């Protein structure tokens, strides 16, 4: 998070469900609009799959509810019926209630090996990456992702190696082999003396994206994140423990979609900087002086969240410095 800069594009998704009847969220390309650093109380969230995520108590996760997915703050998540605030979940059999967090994608590193580079080169040279719009009977659209390499049967060793490496870098998904039709070439007067096949990567769109993340073909730059379709959370996991870590420096980020993906988990951004929140009124607050400015600060703070004394003190320091700076600039111009 500390390396991200304003303006960068990130993997994101819809903030809210797209439909009430079949609640789903879709993948989106997000843009970082604000980055800010501050010190807050931090918690180490340990998950049953072994992942550890450091975050604040107010940070929102997308979690699995009874019928769908919903937003929940770290401080409200349950571990065996108890949250980090010491509250116990009421009702029968709630002592075993544990929050399940949404994880639709794994963290994938580039496999920097000869085999990875060889397969990436085959995709760039004799292969293709394309996205398809598939129209459903109910009028909705779902998006397909197609990744394949064409090769002639005259080169059985190449064909065998393509199949072998596709299985390896898709975590053993069997590739699909399709026969390329000769009709179009024969009509053009081209004589075909051998059979040509398309070897296609199989799996879900996200599994295909994870394949591309491993081999990093140059053609992957063609991918439109907005056309990856609906989110299907395959790697959901339960919260194992939530441990207070004390005060640490954190990165506060806001995106154009109000969402982002961190360590493969679905997260909500802070919304501190939007026009309907406290810092969005920065220019108006700067023009205020004395008691009126602090009254507005406190009033708006309680509209958005329960600010700690430390946060309010930091905001007061920030605005005091900014007002002094603007006052000096104004006096110089005069």
C-alpha atoms as a PDB file:
ATOM      1  CA  UNK A   1       0.000   0.000   0.000  1.00  0.00           C
ATOM      2  CA  UNK A   2       2.854   2.355   0.781  1.00  0.00           C
ATOM      3  CA  UNK A   3       4.143   2.127  -2.793  1.00  0.00           C
ATOM      4  CA  UNK A   4       0.825   3.022  -4.463  1.00  0.00           C
ATOM      5  CA  UNK A   5       0.484   6.523  -5.921  1.00  0.00           C
ATOM      6  CA  UNK A   6      -2.469   8.702  -6.906  1.00  0.00           C
ATOM      7  CA  UNK A   7      -3.579   8.006 -10.473  1.00  0.00           C
ATOM      8  CA  UNK A   8      -2.524   4.366 -10.559  1.00  0.00           C
ATOM      9  CA  UNK A   9      -5.024   1.771 -11.816  1.00  0.00           C
ATOM     10  CA  UNK A  10      -5.924  -1.123  -9.537  1.00  0.00           C
ATOM     11  CA  UNK A  11      -8.056  -4.274  -9.442  1.00  0.00           C
ATOM     12  CA  UNK A  12     -11.441  -3.305  -7.944  1.00  0.00           C
ATOM     13  CA  UNK A  13     -15.139  -4.229  -7.980  1.00  0.00           C
ATOM     14  CA  UNK A  14     -18.669  -2.878  -7.498  1.00  0.00           C
ATOM     15  CA  UNK A  15     -19.317  -1.361  -4.085  1.00  0.00           C
ATOM     16  CA  UNK A  16     -22.909  -2.643  -3.983  1.00  0.00           C
ATOM     17  CA  UNK A  17     -24.854  -5.539  -5.466  1.00  0.00           C
ATOM     18  CA  UNK A  18     -25.914  -5.002  -9.069  1.00  0.00           C
ATOM     19  CA  UNK A  19     -29.279  -6.771  -8.698  1.00  0.00           C
ATOM     20  CA  UNK A  20     -31.604  -7.417  -5.786  1.00  0.00           C
ATOM     21  CA  UNK A  21     -33.006 -10.707  -7.125  1.00  0.00           C
ATOM     22  CA  UNK A  22     -29.554 -12.197  -7.774  1.00  0.00           C
ATOM     23  CA  UNK A  23     -27.115 -10.127  -5.719  1.00  0.00           C
ATOM     24  CA  UNK A  24     -23.787 -10.041  -7.538  1.00  0.00           C
ATOM     25  CA  UNK A  25     -20.860  -7.681  -7.874  1.00  0.00           C
ATOM     26  CA  UNK A  26     -18.717  -7.282 -10.983  1.00  0.00           C
ATOM     27  CA  UNK A  27     -15.002  -6.665 -11.436  1.00  0.00           C
ATOM     28  CA  UNK A  28     -14.015  -3.066 -12.161  1.00  0.00           C
ATOM     29  CA  UNK A  29     -10.867  -1.137 -13.010  1.00  0.00           C
ATOM     30  CA  UNK A  30     -10.376   1.365 -10.207  1.00  0.00           C
ATOM     31  CA  UNK A  31      -8.180   4.456  -9.974  1.00  0.00           C
ATOM     32  CA  UNK A  32      -6.439   5.686  -6.838  1.00  0.00           C
ATOM     33  CA  UNK A  33      -7.759   9.188  -6.087  1.00  0.00           C
ATOM     34  CA  UNK A  34      -6.214   9.938  -2.685  1.00  0.00           C
ATOM     35  CA  UNK A  35      -3.365   8.631  -0.505  1.00  0.00           C
ATOM     36  CA  UNK A  36      -2.755   9.724   3.064  1.00  0.00           C
ATOM     37  CA  UNK A  37      -0.647   8.468   5.970  1.00  0.00           C
ATOM     38  CA  UNK A  38      -1.589   8.602   9.635  1.00  0.00           C
ATOM     39  CA  UNK A  39      -1.180   6.696  12.905  1.00  0.00           C
ATOM     40  CA  UNK A  40      -4.037   4.553  14.239  1.00  0.00           C
ATOM     41  CA  UNK A  41      -4.760   1.491  16.345  1.00  0.00           C
ATOM     42  CA  UNK A  42      -3.915  -1.564  14.236  1.00  0.00           C
ATOM     43  CA  UNK A  43      -5.138  -5.170  14.461  1.00  0.00           C
ATOM     44  CA  UNK A  44      -3.555  -8.329  13.076  1.00  0.00           C
ATOM     45  CA  UNK A  45      -6.323 -10.390  11.459  1.00  0.00           C
ATOM     46  CA  UNK A  46      -5.231 -14.030  11.176  1.00  0.00           C
ATOM     47  CA  UNK A  47      -7.241 -16.210   8.817  1.00  0.00           C
ATOM     48  CA  UNK A  48      -7.637 -19.983   8.818  1.00  0.00           C
ATOM     49  CA  UNK A  49      -5.745 -20.313   5.527  1.00  0.00           C
ATOM     50  CA  UNK A  50      -2.639 -18.827   7.202  1.00  0.00           C
ATOM     51  CA  UNK A  51      -2.906 -15.272   5.829  1.00  0.00           C
ATOM     52  CA  UNK A  52      -2.261 -12.288   8.125  1.00  0.00           C
ATOM     53  CA  UNK A  53      -3.728  -8.859   7.309  1.00  0.00           C
ATOM     54  CA  UNK A  54      -2.885  -5.727   9.313  1.00  0.00           C
ATOM     55  CA  UNK A  55      -5.742  -3.245   9.351  1.00  0.00           C
ATOM     56  CA  UNK A  56      -7.721  -0.852  11.551  1.00  0.00           C
ATOM     57  CA  UNK A  57     -10.823  -1.622  13.578  1.00  0.00           C
ATOM     58  CA  UNK A  58     -13.013   0.537  11.335  1.00  0.00           C
ATOM     59  CA  UNK A  59     -11.801  -1.012   8.083  1.00  0.00           C
ATOM     60  CA  UNK A  60     -14.588  -2.668   6.066  1.00  0.00           C
ATOM     61  CA  UNK A  61     -14.283  -6.213   4.654  1.00  0.00           C
ATOM     62  CA  UNK A  62     -16.673  -7.972   2.291  1.00  0.00           C
ATOM     63  CA  UNK A  63     -17.917 -10.964   4.288  1.00  0.00           C
ATOM     64  CA  UNK A  64     -20.251 -13.881   3.553  1.00  0.00           C
ATOM     65  CA  UNK A  65     -23.680 -13.536   5.145  1.00  0.00           C
ATOM     66  CA  UNK A  66     -26.561 -16.010   5.119  1.00  0.00           C
ATOM     67  CA  UNK A  67     -27.830 -15.151   1.643  1.00  0.00           C
ATOM     68  CA  UNK A  68     -25.213 -12.868   0.087  1.00  0.00           C
ATOM     69  CA  UNK A  69     -22.141 -10.754   0.855  1.00  0.00           C
ATOM     70  CA  UNK A  70     -22.124  -7.622   2.996  1.00  0.00           C
ATOM     71  CA  UNK A  71     -19.700  -5.093   4.480  1.00  0.00           C
ATOM     72  CA  UNK A  72     -18.400  -5.579   8.026  1.00  0.00           C
ATOM     73  CA  UNK A  73     -15.782  -3.684  10.053  1.00  0.00           C
ATOM     74  CA  UNK A  74     -12.806  -5.495  11.594  1.00  0.00           C
ATOM     75  CA  UNK A  75     -13.998  -4.662  15.112  1.00  0.00           C
ATOM     76  CA  UNK A  76     -17.371  -6.302  14.427  1.00  0.00           C
ATOM     77  CA  UNK A  77     -16.113  -9.604  12.981  1.00  0.00           C
ATOM     78  CA  UNK A  78     -16.832 -12.735  15.014  1.00  0.00           C
ATOM     79  CA  UNK A  79     -14.413 -15.408  16.221  1.00  0.00           C
ATOM     80  CA  UNK A  80     -16.318 -18.225  17.939  1.00  0.00           C
ATOM     81  CA  UNK A  81     -19.176 -15.870  18.802  1.00  0.00           C
ATOM     82  CA  UNK A  82     -17.008 -13.055  20.258  1.00  0.00           C
ATOM     83  CA  UNK A  83     -15.627  -9.914  18.567  1.00  0.00           C
ATOM     84  CA  UNK A  84     -12.565  -7.849  19.398  1.00  0.00           C
ATOM     85  CA  UNK A  85     -14.704  -5.454  21.451  1.00  0.00           C
ATOM     86  CA  UNK A  86     -15.640  -8.309  23.795  1.00  0.00           C
ATOM     87  CA  UNK A  87     -19.257  -8.480  22.662  1.00  0.00           C
ATOM     88  CA  UNK A  88     -20.913 -11.905  22.466  1.00  0.00           C
ATOM     89  CA  UNK A  89     -23.261 -12.843  19.639  1.00  0.00           C
ATOM     90  CA  UNK A  90     -26.752 -13.552  20.953  1.00  0.00           C
ATOM     91  CA  UNK A  91     -29.012 -16.430  19.980  1.00  0.00           C
ATOM     92  CA  UNK A  92     -28.796 -20.236  19.941  1.00  0.00           C
ATOM     93  CA  UNK A  93     -25.570 -21.934  18.800  1.00  0.00           C
ATOM     94  CA  UNK A  94     -23.819 -18.570  18.345  1.00  0.00           C
ATOM     95  CA  UNK A  95     -20.758 -19.520  20.407  1.00  0.00           C
ATOM     96  CA  UNK A  96     -19.376 -21.143  17.246  1.00  0.00           C
ATOM     97  CA  UNK A  97     -20.212 -18.230  14.907  1.00  0.00           C
ATOM     98  CA  UNK A  98     -17.118 -17.133  12.983  1.00  0.00           C
ATOM     99  CA  UNK A  99     -16.998 -14.549  10.209  1.00  0.00           C
ATOM    100  CA  UNK A 100     -16.213 -15.823   6.698  1.00  0.00           C
ATOM    101  CA  UNK A 101     -14.365 -13.272   4.527  1.00  0.00           C
ATOM    102  CA  UNK A 102     -14.595 -13.079   0.744  1.00  0.00           C
ATOM    103  CA  UNK A 103     -11.449 -14.013  -1.214  1.00  0.00           C
ATOM    104  CA  UNK A 104     -12.043 -14.458  -4.979  1.00  0.00           C
ATOM    105  CA  UNK A 105      -8.418 -14.318  -6.163  1.00  0.00           C
ATOM    106  CA  UNK A 106      -5.034 -15.474  -4.933  1.00  0.00           C
ATOM    107  CA  UNK A 107      -1.877 -13.411  -4.756  1.00  0.00           C
ATOM    108  CA  UNK A 108       0.178 -14.552  -7.764  1.00  0.00           C
ATOM    109  CA  UNK A 109       3.855 -13.836  -8.430  1.00  0.00           C
ATOM    110  CA  UNK A 110       5.502 -13.815 -11.836  1.00  0.00           C
ATOM    111  CA  UNK A 111       7.158 -17.184 -12.431  1.00  0.00           C
ATOM    112  CA  UNK A 112      10.538 -16.033 -13.739  1.00  0.00           C
ATOM    113  CA  UNK A 113      11.739 -19.254 -15.363  1.00  0.00           C
ATOM    114  CA  UNK A 114      12.688 -20.432 -18.827  1.00  0.00           C
ATOM    115  CA  UNK A 115       9.417 -22.412 -19.130  1.00  0.00           C
ATOM    116  CA  UNK A 116       7.289 -19.383 -18.214  1.00  0.00           C
ATOM    117  CA  UNK A 117       9.110 -17.176 -20.726  1.00  0.00           C
ATOM    118  CA  UNK A 118       8.840 -19.878 -23.423  1.00  0.00           C
ATOM    119  CA  UNK A 119       5.051 -20.189 -22.984  1.00  0.00           C
ATOM    120  CA  UNK A 120       4.610 -16.388 -22.855  1.00  0.00           C
ATOM    121  CA  UNK A 121       6.544 -16.148 -26.117  1.00  0.00           C
ATOM    122  CA  UNK A 122       4.330 -18.801 -27.751  1.00  0.00           C
ATOM    123  CA  UNK A 123       1.199 -16.846 -26.709  1.00  0.00           C
ATOM    124  CA  UNK A 124       2.645 -13.592 -28.079  1.00  0.00           C
ATOM    125  CA  UNK A 125       3.775 -15.201 -31.349  1.00  0.00           C
ATOM    126  CA  UNK A 126       1.263 -17.942 -32.247  1.00  0.00           C
ATOM    127  CA  UNK A 127      -1.410 -17.319 -29.646  1.00  0.00           C
ATOM    128  CA  UNK A 128      -4.261 -15.005 -28.780  1.00  0.00           C
ATOM    129  CA  UNK A 129      -5.965 -13.374 -25.797  1.00  0.00           C
ATOM    130  CA  UNK A 130      -9.485 -12.103 -26.418  1.00  0.00           C
ATOM    131  CA  UNK A 131     -12.659 -11.317 -24.503  1.00  0.00           C
ATOM    132  CA  UNK A 132     -16.160 -12.266 -25.620  1.00  0.00           C
ATOM    133  CA  UNK A 133     -19.610 -10.832 -24.910  1.00  0.00           C
ATOM    134  CA  UNK A 134     -22.085 -13.679 -24.354  1.00  0.00           C
ATOM    135  CA  UNK A 135     -25.757 -12.626 -24.390  1.00  0.00           C
ATOM    136  CA  UNK A 136     -28.003 -14.578 -22.012  1.00  0.00           C
ATOM    137  CA  UNK A 137     -31.665 -15.325 -22.674  1.00  0.00           C
ATOM    138  CA  UNK A 138     -32.771 -12.896 -19.944  1.00  0.00           C
ATOM    139  CA  UNK A 139     -31.028 -10.016 -21.734  1.00  0.00           C
ATOM    140  CA  UNK A 140     -27.993  -9.848 -19.457  1.00  0.00           C
ATOM    141  CA  UNK A 141     -24.406 -10.154 -20.673  1.00  0.00           C
ATOM    142  CA  UNK A 142     -21.691 -12.390 -19.344  1.00  0.00           C
ATOM    143  CA  UNK A 143     -18.087 -12.056 -20.378  1.00  0.00           C
ATOM    144  CA  UNK A 144     -15.781 -14.784 -21.602  1.00  0.00           C
ATOM    145  CA  UNK A 145     -11.979 -14.770 -21.649  1.00  0.00           C
ATOM    146  CA  UNK A 146     -10.147 -16.862 -24.240  1.00  0.00           C
ATOM    147  CA  UNK A 147      -6.410 -17.642 -24.130  1.00  0.00           C
ATOM    148  CA  UNK A 148      -4.899 -20.032 -26.652  1.00  0.00           C
ATOM    149  CA  UNK A 149      -1.944 -21.037 -28.814  1.00  0.00           C
ATOM    150  CA  UNK A 150      -2.199 -22.370 -32.382  1.00  0.00           C
ATOM    151  CA  UNK A 151       0.174 -25.106 -33.509  1.00  0.00           C
ATOM    152  CA  UNK A 152       0.468 -27.613 -36.340  1.00  0.00           C
ATOM    153  CA  UNK A 153       0.323 -31.358 -35.768  1.00  0.00           C
ATOM    154  CA  UNK A 154       3.566 -31.553 -37.783  1.00  0.00           C
ATOM    155  CA  UNK A 155       5.321 -30.489 -34.564  1.00  0.00           C
ATOM    156  CA  UNK A 156       4.123 -33.019 -31.953  1.00  0.00           C
ATOM    157  CA  UNK A 157       6.878 -32.131 -29.481  1.00  0.00           C
ATOM    158  CA  UNK A 158       5.798 -28.465 -29.506  1.00  0.00           C
ATOM    159  CA  UNK A 159       2.145 -29.445 -29.078  1.00  0.00           C
ATOM    160  CA  UNK A 160       3.020 -31.719 -26.175  1.00  0.00           C
ATOM    161  CA  UNK A 161       5.100 -29.026 -24.480  1.00  0.00           C
ATOM    162  CA  UNK A 162       2.316 -26.420 -24.833  1.00  0.00           C
ATOM    163  CA  UNK A 163      -0.165 -28.791 -23.178  1.00  0.00           C
ATOM    164  CA  UNK A 164       2.282 -29.675 -20.406  1.00  0.00           C
ATOM    165  CA  UNK A 165       3.097 -26.052 -19.526  1.00  0.00           C
ATOM    166  CA  UNK A 166      -0.531 -24.899 -19.729  1.00  0.00           C
ATOM    167  CA  UNK A 167      -1.388 -27.565 -17.153  1.00  0.00           C
ATOM    168  CA  UNK A 168       1.538 -26.514 -14.971  1.00  0.00           C
ATOM    169  CA  UNK A 169       0.786 -22.778 -14.932  1.00  0.00           C
ATOM    170  CA  UNK A 170      -2.992 -23.205 -14.499  1.00  0.00           C
ATOM    171  CA  UNK A 171      -2.475 -25.508 -11.501  1.00  0.00           C
ATOM    172  CA  UNK A 172      -3.328 -28.692 -13.428  1.00  0.00           C
ATOM    173  CA  UNK A 173      -6.383 -27.489 -15.377  1.00  0.00           C
ATOM    174  CA  UNK A 174      -6.552 -29.632 -18.512  1.00  0.00           C
ATOM    175  CA  UNK A 175      -6.255 -27.466 -21.666  1.00  0.00           C
ATOM    176  CA  UNK A 176      -8.848 -27.772 -24.411  1.00  0.00           C
ATOM    177  CA  UNK A 177      -7.832 -28.716 -27.971  1.00  0.00           C
ATOM    178  CA  UNK A 178      -9.890 -27.365 -30.880  1.00  0.00           C
ATOM    179  CA  UNK A 179      -9.507 -28.176 -34.562  1.00  0.00           C
ATOM    180  CA  UNK A 180      -8.964 -25.107 -36.762  1.00  0.00           C
ATOM    181  CA  UNK A 181     -11.241 -25.250 -39.830  1.00  0.00           C
ATOM    182  CA  UNK A 182      -9.658 -25.539 -43.290  1.00  0.00           C
ATOM    183  CA  UNK A 183     -12.648 -24.136 -45.211  1.00  0.00           C
ATOM    184  CA  UNK A 184     -11.574 -20.499 -45.225  1.00  0.00           C
ATOM    185  CA  UNK A 185      -8.050 -21.297 -46.396  1.00  0.00           C
ATOM    186  CA  UNK A 186      -9.236 -23.639 -49.181  1.00  0.00           C
ATOM    187  CA  UNK A 187     -11.551 -20.953 -50.579  1.00  0.00           C
ATOM    188  CA  UNK A 188      -8.577 -18.612 -50.867  1.00  0.00           C
ATOM    189  CA  UNK A 189      -6.661 -21.183 -52.879  1.00  0.00           C
ATOM    190  CA  UNK A 190      -4.347 -22.127 -50.026  1.00  0.00           C
ATOM    191  CA  UNK A 191      -3.616 -25.823 -49.861  1.00  0.00           C
ATOM    192  CA  UNK A 192      -3.518 -27.321 -46.357  1.00  0.00           C
ATOM    193  CA  UNK A 193      -1.339 -30.395 -46.024  1.00  0.00           C
ATOM    194  CA  UNK A 194      -1.566 -30.792 -42.233  1.00  0.00           C
ATOM    195  CA  UNK A 195      -3.954 -30.325 -39.321  1.00  0.00           C
ATOM    196  CA  UNK A 196      -3.719 -27.250 -37.074  1.00  0.00           C
ATOM    197  CA  UNK A 197      -4.999 -27.116 -33.498  1.00  0.00           C
ATOM    198  CA  UNK A 198      -5.861 -24.419 -30.986  1.00  0.00           C
ATOM    199  CA  UNK A 199      -4.740 -25.252 -27.429  1.00  0.00           C
ATOM    200  CA  UNK A 200      -6.938 -23.255 -25.023  1.00  0.00           C
ATOM    201  CA  UNK A 201      -6.518 -22.456 -21.316  1.00  0.00           C
ATOM    202  CA  UNK A 202      -9.536 -23.691 -19.325  1.00  0.00           C
ATOM    203  CA  UNK A 203     -11.089 -22.561 -16.043  1.00  0.00           C
ATOM    204  CA  UNK A 204     -12.924 -19.493 -14.784  1.00  0.00           C
ATOM    205  CA  UNK A 205     -11.990 -15.980 -15.909  1.00  0.00           C
ATOM    206  CA  UNK A 206     -10.106 -15.421 -12.647  1.00  0.00           C
ATOM    207  CA  UNK A 207      -8.215 -18.719 -13.007  1.00  0.00           C
ATOM    208  CA  UNK A 208      -7.202 -17.587 -16.503  1.00  0.00           C
ATOM    209  CA  UNK A 209      -6.093 -14.223 -15.082  1.00  0.00           C
ATOM    210  CA  UNK A 210      -3.988 -16.056 -12.495  1.00  0.00           C
ATOM    211  CA  UNK A 211      -2.419 -18.042 -15.342  1.00  0.00           C
ATOM    212  CA  UNK A 212      -1.506 -14.776 -17.108  1.00  0.00           C
ATOM    213  CA  UNK A 213      -0.082 -13.367 -13.868  1.00  0.00           C
ATOM    214  CA  UNK A 214       2.301 -16.327 -13.700  1.00  0.00           C
ATOM    215  CA  UNK A 215       3.559 -16.233 -17.304  1.00  0.00           C
ATOM    216  CA  UNK A 216       3.119 -12.479 -18.010  1.00  0.00           C
ATOM    217  CA  UNK A 217       2.538 -12.560 -21.744  1.00  0.00           C
ATOM    218  CA  UNK A 218       2.778  -9.102 -23.354  1.00  0.00           C
ATOM    219  CA  UNK A 219      -0.679  -9.605 -24.848  1.00  0.00           C
ATOM    220  CA  UNK A 220      -2.239  -9.529 -21.374  1.00  0.00           C
ATOM    221  CA  UNK A 221      -2.200  -5.709 -21.667  1.00  0.00           C
ATOM    222  CA  UNK A 222      -5.282  -6.147 -23.896  1.00  0.00           C
ATOM    223  CA  UNK A 223      -7.379  -7.372 -20.943  1.00  0.00           C
ATOM    224  CA  UNK A 224     -10.320  -5.121 -19.996  1.00  0.00           C
ATOM    225  CA  UNK A 225     -10.910  -5.629 -16.255  1.00  0.00           C
ATOM    226  CA  UNK A 226     -14.448  -4.248 -16.605  1.00  0.00           C
ATOM    227  CA  UNK A 227     -15.273  -7.239 -18.819  1.00  0.00           C
ATOM    228  CA  UNK A 228     -14.196  -9.993 -16.428  1.00  0.00           C
ATOM    229  CA  UNK A 229     -17.804 -10.416 -15.336  1.00  0.00           C
ATOM    230  CA  UNK A 230     -19.355 -11.322 -12.002  1.00  0.00           C
ATOM    231  CA  UNK A 231     -17.289 -12.047  -8.901  1.00  0.00           C
ATOM    232  CA  UNK A 232     -17.328 -15.648  -7.710  1.00  0.00           C
ATOM    233  CA  UNK A 233     -15.553 -16.047  -4.410  1.00  0.00           C
ATOM    234  CA  UNK A 234     -13.662 -19.347  -4.626  1.00  0.00           C
ATOM    235  CA  UNK A 235     -11.164 -19.040  -1.783  1.00  0.00           C
ATOM    236  CA  UNK A 236     -13.383 -17.913   1.138  1.00  0.00           C
ATOM    237  CA  UNK A 237     -11.852 -18.427   4.568  1.00  0.00           C
ATOM    238  CA  UNK A 238     -12.798 -17.948   8.216  1.00  0.00           C
ATOM    239  CA  UNK A 239     -11.278 -15.487  10.667  1.00  0.00           C
ATOM    240  CA  UNK A 240      -9.047 -17.332  13.136  1.00  0.00           C
ATOM    241  CA  UNK A 241      -8.068 -14.487  15.472  1.00  0.00           C
ATOM    242  CA  UNK A 242      -7.932 -10.687  15.755  1.00  0.00           C
ATOM    243  CA  UNK A 243      -5.018  -9.362  17.804  1.00  0.00           C
ATOM    244  CA  UNK A 244      -4.470  -5.701  18.822  1.00  0.00           C
ATOM    245  CA  UNK A 245      -1.016  -4.474  17.714  1.00  0.00           C
ATOM    246  CA  UNK A 246      -1.063  -0.962  19.185  1.00  0.00           C
ATOM    247  CA  UNK A 247      -0.624   2.264  17.224  1.00  0.00           C
ATOM    248  CA  UNK A 248       1.188   2.050  13.897  1.00  0.00           C
ATOM    249  CA  UNK A 249       1.482   4.139  10.751  1.00  0.00           C
ATOM    250  CA  UNK A 250      -1.128   3.183   8.157  1.00  0.00           C
ATOM    251  CA  UNK A 251      -1.886   4.160   4.565  1.00  0.00           C
ATOM    252  CA  UNK A 252      -5.368   5.598   4.002  1.00  0.00           C
ATOM    253  CA  UNK A 253      -6.403   5.131   0.380  1.00  0.00           C
ATOM    254  CA  UNK A 254      -9.448   6.110  -1.631  1.00  0.00           C
ATOM    255  CA  UNK A 255     -10.382   4.844  -5.084  1.00  0.00           C
ATOM    256  CA  UNK A 256     -12.838   5.812  -7.798  1.00  0.00           C
ATOM    257  CA  UNK A 257     -14.868   2.636  -7.123  1.00  0.00           C
ATOM    258  CA  UNK A 258     -14.686   2.945  -3.295  1.00  0.00           C
ATOM    259  CA  UNK A 259     -13.248  -0.575  -3.319  1.00  0.00           C
ATOM    260  CA  UNK A 260      -9.966  -2.397  -3.870  1.00  0.00           C
ATOM    261  CA  UNK A 261      -8.431  -5.872  -3.593  1.00  0.00           C
ATOM    262  CA  UNK A 262      -5.742  -6.396  -0.930  1.00  0.00           C
ATOM    263  CA  UNK A 263      -3.941  -9.741  -0.605  1.00  0.00           C
ATOM    264  CA  UNK A 264      -6.780 -11.239  -2.665  1.00  0.00           C
ATOM    265  CA  UNK A 265      -9.477  -9.997  -0.226  1.00  0.00           C
ATOM    266  CA  UNK A 266     -12.323  -7.610  -1.046  1.00  0.00           C
ATOM    267  CA  UNK A 267     -11.909  -4.314   0.821  1.00  0.00           C
ATOM    268  CA  UNK A 268     -13.742  -0.998   1.140  1.00  0.00           C
ATOM    269  CA  UNK A 269     -11.733   2.220   1.043  1.00  0.00           C
ATOM    270  CA  UNK A 270     -11.846   4.884   3.741  1.00  0.00           C
ATOM    271  CA  UNK A 271     -14.099   7.468   2.006  1.00  0.00           C
ATOM    272  CA  UNK A 272     -12.367  10.175   4.039  1.00  0.00           C
ATOM    273  CA  UNK A 273     -11.750  12.441   1.074  1.00  0.00           C
ATOM    274  CA  UNK A 274     -15.068  12.436  -0.794  1.00  0.00           C
ATOM    275  CA  UNK A 275     -17.143  15.623  -0.968  1.00  0.00           C
ATOM    276  CA  UNK A 276     -19.755  14.144   1.393  1.00  0.00           C
ATOM    277  CA  UNK A 277     -17.193  13.566   4.143  1.00  0.00           C
ATOM    278  CA  UNK A 278     -15.151  15.751   6.461  1.00  0.00           C
ATOM    279  CA  UNK A 279     -12.035  16.454   4.428  1.00  0.00           C
ATOM    280  CA  UNK A 280     -14.115  17.049   1.303  1.00  0.00           C
ATOM    281  CA  UNK A 281     -15.137  20.324   2.960  1.00  0.00           C
ATOM    282  CA  UNK A 282     -11.507  21.403   3.298  1.00  0.00           C
ATOM    283  CA  UNK A 283     -11.821  24.733   1.475  1.00  0.00           C
ATOM    284  CA  UNK A 284     -14.875  25.781   3.462  1.00  0.00           C
ATOM    285  CA  UNK A 285     -13.240  24.784   6.742  1.00  0.00           C
ATOM    286  CA  UNK A 286     -10.105  26.744   5.955  1.00  0.00           C
ATOM    287  CA  UNK A 287     -12.153  29.919   5.512  1.00  0.00           C
ATOM    288  CA  UNK A 288     -13.688  29.474   8.966  1.00  0.00           C
ATOM    289  CA  UNK A 289     -11.915  30.878  12.033  1.00  0.00           C
ATOM    290  CA  UNK A 290     -12.039  30.192  15.742  1.00  0.00           C
ATOM    291  CA  UNK A 291     -14.972  28.390  17.360  1.00  0.00           C
ATOM    292  CA  UNK A 292     -17.095  28.142  14.197  1.00  0.00           C
ATOM    293  CA  UNK A 293     -14.442  26.113  12.392  1.00  0.00           C
ATOM    294  CA  UNK A 294     -14.039  23.634  15.259  1.00  0.00           C
ATOM    295  CA  UNK A 295     -17.799  23.291  15.720  1.00  0.00           C
ATOM    296  CA  UNK A 296     -18.123  22.381  12.055  1.00  0.00           C
ATOM    297  CA  UNK A 297     -15.193  19.991  12.383  1.00  0.00           C
ATOM    298  CA  UNK A 298     -16.760  18.115  15.301  1.00  0.00           C
ATOM    299  CA  UNK A 299     -20.268  18.133  13.800  1.00  0.00           C
ATOM    300  CA  UNK A 300     -19.146  16.700  10.482  1.00  0.00           C
ATOM    301  CA  UNK A 301     -16.854  14.172  12.141  1.00  0.00           C
ATOM    302  CA  UNK A 302     -19.772  12.629  14.025  1.00  0.00           C
ATOM    303  CA  UNK A 303     -21.763  12.482  10.782  1.00  0.00           C
ATOM    304  CA  UNK A 304     -19.201  10.121   9.219  1.00  0.00           C
ATOM    305  CA  UNK A 305     -17.608   8.140  12.041  1.00  0.00           C
ATOM    306  CA  UNK A 306     -16.630   8.286  15.694  1.00  0.00           C
ATOM    307  CA  UNK A 307     -13.286  10.068  15.560  1.00  0.00           C
ATOM    308  CA  UNK A 308     -10.723   9.439  18.278  1.00  0.00           C
ATOM    309  CA  UNK A 309      -9.129  12.313  20.219  1.00  0.00           C
ATOM    310  CA  UNK A 310      -5.834  11.527  18.487  1.00  0.00           C
ATOM    311  CA  UNK A 311      -7.415  11.872  15.032  1.00  0.00           C
ATOM    312  CA  UNK A 312      -9.115  15.163  15.917  1.00  0.00           C
ATOM    313  CA  UNK A 313      -5.849  16.557  17.275  1.00  0.00           C
ATOM    314  CA  UNK A 314      -4.057  15.588  14.063  1.00  0.00           C
ATOM    315  CA  UNK A 315      -6.768  17.223  11.943  1.00  0.00           C
ATOM    316  CA  UNK A 316      -6.614  20.409  13.992  1.00  0.00           C
ATOM    317  CA  UNK A 317      -2.817  20.529  13.528  1.00  0.00           C
ATOM    318  CA  UNK A 318      -3.215  19.932   9.788  1.00  0.00           C
ATOM    319  CA  UNK A 319      -5.767  22.722   9.307  1.00  0.00           C
ATOM    320  CA  UNK A 320      -3.834  25.142  11.530  1.00  0.00           C
ATOM    321  CA  UNK A 321      -0.718  24.735   9.361  1.00  0.00           C
ATOM    322  CA  UNK A 322      -2.776  25.002   6.167  1.00  0.00           C
ATOM    323  CA  UNK A 323      -4.536  28.191   7.328  1.00  0.00           C
ATOM    324  CA  UNK A 324      -1.194  29.782   8.262  1.00  0.00           C
ATOM    325  CA  UNK A 325       0.211  28.861   4.870  1.00  0.00           C
ATOM    326  CA  UNK A 326      -2.765  30.345   3.004  1.00  0.00           C
ATOM    327  CA  UNK A 327      -2.666  33.494   5.138  1.00  0.00           C
ATOM    328  CA  UNK A 328       1.011  34.031   4.288  1.00  0.00           C
ATOM    329  CA  UNK A 329       0.372  33.457   0.582  1.00  0.00           C
ATOM    330  CA  UNK A 330      -2.501  35.978   0.670  1.00  0.00           C
ATOM    331  CA  UNK A 331      -0.383  38.621   2.442  1.00  0.00           C
ATOM    332  CA  UNK A 332       2.427  38.176  -0.102  1.00  0.00           C
ATOM    333  CA  UNK A 333       0.015  38.671  -3.031  1.00  0.00           C
ATOM    334  CA  UNK A 334      -1.422  41.802  -1.432  1.00  0.00           C
END
